Amino acid sequence: AIVEGTVAGYIGMWEISGQCDITNVAVLPAFRRKGVGKKLIEHLIEYCKNTNLSPIFLEVRKSNEPAKSLYSGFGFKEIGIRKKYYSDTGEDAIIMSL
């Protein structure tokens, strides 16, 4: 996502056997809560629809309530937990699917 000539954020994904796995969604702090992350996810969902990738999966830190709320707003549902997924803190990840 480029805003006024600045790379404000990005989204990464893997395409595996007809499915999509979102690997990263990152937005610079100055651009958060301004719709950048939402636009990135909208674009990825549209890409997946156009290329018949389904379902879409992601992992999110259990404590990351803003991200979980954002994903839930798109219809992502919690489907599982990956225990101690994040190596930096040992925090669990919530697996979500759309």
C-alpha atoms as a PDB file:
ATOM      1  CA  ALA A   1       0.000   0.000   0.000  1.00  0.00           C
ATOM      2  CA  ILE A   2       1.498   3.292  -1.068  1.00  0.00           C
ATOM      3  CA  VAL A   3       0.068   6.466   0.474  1.00  0.00           C
ATOM      4  CA  GLU A   4       1.357   9.828  -0.727  1.00  0.00           C
ATOM      5  CA  GLY A   5       4.554   8.220  -2.020  1.00  0.00           C
ATOM      6  CA  THR A   6       5.248   6.280   1.190  1.00  0.00           C
ATOM      7  CA  VAL A   7       5.053   2.513   1.539  1.00  0.00           C
ATOM      8  CA  ALA A   8       2.434   2.473   4.289  1.00  0.00           C
ATOM      9  CA  GLY A   9       1.951  -1.279   4.520  1.00  0.00           C
ATOM     10  CA  TYR A  10       2.032  -4.669   2.871  1.00  0.00           C
ATOM     11  CA  ILE A  11       0.323  -8.037   2.868  1.00  0.00           C
ATOM     12  CA  GLY A  12       1.936 -11.368   2.115  1.00  0.00           C
ATOM     13  CA  MET A  13       0.416 -14.707   1.224  1.00  0.00           C
ATOM     14  CA  TRP A  14       1.178 -18.225   0.080  1.00  0.00           C
ATOM     15  CA  GLU A  15      -0.872 -20.071  -2.487  1.00  0.00           C
ATOM     16  CA  ILE A  16      -0.874 -23.750  -1.570  1.00  0.00           C
ATOM     17  CA  SER A  17      -3.025 -26.404  -3.270  1.00  0.00           C
ATOM     18  CA  GLY A  18      -5.790 -23.964  -4.174  1.00  0.00           C
ATOM     19  CA  GLN A  19      -5.822 -22.361  -0.740  1.00  0.00           C
ATOM     20  CA  CYS A  20      -4.477 -19.035   0.521  1.00  0.00           C
ATOM     21  CA  ASP A  21      -2.443 -18.566   3.687  1.00  0.00           C
ATOM     22  CA  ILE A  22      -1.932 -14.950   4.755  1.00  0.00           C
ATOM     23  CA  THR A  23       1.611 -14.739   6.111  1.00  0.00           C
ATOM     24  CA  ASN A  24       1.861 -11.060   7.070  1.00  0.00           C
ATOM     25  CA  VAL A  25      -0.175  -7.893   7.279  1.00  0.00           C
ATOM     26  CA  ALA A  26       1.923  -4.911   8.325  1.00  0.00           C
ATOM     27  CA  VAL A  27       1.103  -1.202   8.436  1.00  0.00           C
ATOM     28  CA  LEU A  28       3.436   1.574   9.577  1.00  0.00           C
ATOM     29  CA  PRO A  29       2.288   3.064  12.902  1.00  0.00           C
ATOM     30  CA  ALA A  30       1.610   6.482  11.317  1.00  0.00           C
ATOM     31  CA  PHE A  31      -0.904   4.864   8.930  1.00  0.00           C
ATOM     32  CA  ARG A  32      -2.731   2.573  11.360  1.00  0.00           C
ATOM     33  CA  ARG A  33      -6.442   3.039  12.007  1.00  0.00           C
ATOM     34  CA  LYS A  34      -6.770   4.829   8.656  1.00  0.00           C
ATOM     35  CA  GLY A  35      -8.079   1.941   6.566  1.00  0.00           C
ATOM     36  CA  VAL A  36      -4.765   0.807   5.060  1.00  0.00           C
ATOM     37  CA  GLY A  37      -4.895  -2.694   6.562  1.00  0.00           C
ATOM     38  CA  LYS A  38      -8.539  -3.018   5.584  1.00  0.00           C
ATOM     39  CA  LYS A  39      -7.762  -2.120   1.960  1.00  0.00           C
ATOM     40  CA  LEU A  40      -4.906  -4.637   1.847  1.00  0.00           C
ATOM     41  CA  ILE A  41      -7.182  -7.418   3.086  1.00  0.00           C
ATOM     42  CA  GLU A  42      -9.972  -6.392   0.690  1.00  0.00           C
ATOM     43  CA  HIS A  43      -7.507  -6.565  -2.195  1.00  0.00           C
ATOM     44  CA  LEU A  44      -6.261 -10.009  -1.144  1.00  0.00           C
ATOM     45  CA  ILE A  45      -9.807 -11.367  -0.749  1.00  0.00           C
ATOM     46  CA  GLU A  46     -10.696 -10.051  -4.210  1.00  0.00           C
ATOM     47  CA  TYR A  47      -7.542 -11.657  -5.650  1.00  0.00           C
ATOM     48  CA  CYS A  48      -8.498 -14.976  -4.040  1.00  0.00           C
ATOM     49  CA  LYS A  49     -12.027 -14.780  -5.465  1.00  0.00           C
ATOM     50  CA  ASN A  50     -10.702 -14.022  -8.951  1.00  0.00           C
ATOM     51  CA  THR A  51      -8.218 -16.899  -8.854  1.00  0.00           C
ATOM     52  CA  ASN A  52     -10.496 -19.406  -7.068  1.00  0.00           C
ATOM     53  CA  LEU A  53      -8.339 -19.666  -3.954  1.00  0.00           C
ATOM     54  CA  SER A  54     -10.414 -20.937  -1.061  1.00  0.00           C
ATOM     55  CA  PRO A  55     -10.358 -21.069   1.888  1.00  0.00           C
ATOM     56  CA  ILE A  56      -8.146 -18.268   3.216  1.00  0.00           C
ATOM     57  CA  PHE A  57      -6.237 -19.001   6.429  1.00  0.00           C
ATOM     58  CA  LEU A  58      -4.183 -16.871   8.804  1.00  0.00           C
ATOM     59  CA  GLU A  59      -2.622 -16.967  12.246  1.00  0.00           C
ATOM     60  CA  VAL A  60      -2.859 -14.038  14.653  1.00  0.00           C
ATOM     61  CA  ARG A  61      -1.432 -13.505  18.118  1.00  0.00           C
ATOM     62  CA  LYS A  62      -3.946 -14.444  20.783  1.00  0.00           C
ATOM     63  CA  SER A  63      -3.445 -11.015  22.401  1.00  0.00           C
ATOM     64  CA  ASN A  64      -3.869  -8.987  19.177  1.00  0.00           C
ATOM     65  CA  GLU A  65      -7.464  -7.875  19.668  1.00  0.00           C
ATOM     66  CA  PRO A  66      -7.390  -5.097  17.005  1.00  0.00           C
ATOM     67  CA  ALA A  67      -6.251  -7.566  14.318  1.00  0.00           C
ATOM     68  CA  LYS A  68      -8.730 -10.244  15.399  1.00  0.00           C
ATOM     69  CA  SER A  69     -11.514  -7.665  15.251  1.00  0.00           C
ATOM     70  CA  LEU A  70     -10.417  -6.555  11.768  1.00  0.00           C
ATOM     71  CA  TYR A  71     -10.356 -10.137  10.468  1.00  0.00           C
ATOM     72  CA  SER A  72     -13.696 -10.982  12.099  1.00  0.00           C
ATOM     73  CA  GLY A  73     -15.207  -7.991  10.310  1.00  0.00           C
ATOM     74  CA  PHE A  74     -14.392  -9.696   7.021  1.00  0.00           C
ATOM     75  CA  GLY A  75     -16.034 -12.925   8.170  1.00  0.00           C
ATOM     76  CA  PHE A  76     -12.950 -14.806   9.351  1.00  0.00           C
ATOM     77  CA  LYS A  77     -13.787 -17.358  12.047  1.00  0.00           C
ATOM     78  CA  GLU A  78     -11.551 -18.777  14.759  1.00  0.00           C
ATOM     79  CA  ILE A  79     -10.974 -22.454  13.983  1.00  0.00           C
ATOM     80  CA  GLY A  80      -8.083 -23.462  16.220  1.00  0.00           C
ATOM     81  CA  ILE A  81      -5.003 -22.616  18.247  1.00  0.00           C
ATOM     82  CA  ARG A  82      -1.306 -23.134  17.561  1.00  0.00           C
ATOM     83  CA  LYS A  83       0.313 -23.459  20.986  1.00  0.00           C
ATOM     84  CA  LYS A  84       3.481 -21.402  21.544  1.00  0.00           C
ATOM     85  CA  TYR A  85       3.508 -20.411  17.854  1.00  0.00           C
ATOM     86  CA  TYR A  86       5.456 -17.150  18.211  1.00  0.00           C
ATOM     87  CA  SER A  87       9.109 -17.852  18.952  1.00  0.00           C
ATOM     88  CA  ASP A  88       9.816 -14.367  20.328  1.00  0.00           C
ATOM     89  CA  THR A  89       7.304 -14.662  23.201  1.00  0.00           C
ATOM     90  CA  GLY A  90       5.973 -18.209  23.115  1.00  0.00           C
ATOM     91  CA  GLU A  91       2.482 -16.764  22.636  1.00  0.00           C
ATOM     92  CA  ASP A  92      -0.251 -18.899  21.132  1.00  0.00           C
ATOM     93  CA  ALA A  93      -1.668 -18.101  17.694  1.00  0.00           C
ATOM     94  CA  ILE A  94      -5.346 -18.177  16.842  1.00  0.00           C
ATOM     95  CA  ILE A  95      -5.989 -19.861  13.481  1.00  0.00           C
ATOM     96  CA  MET A  96      -8.681 -18.095  11.477  1.00  0.00           C
ATOM     97  CA  SER A  97     -10.383 -19.066   8.232  1.00  0.00           C
ATOM     98  CA  LEU A  98     -12.587 -17.410   5.634  1.00  0.00           C
END
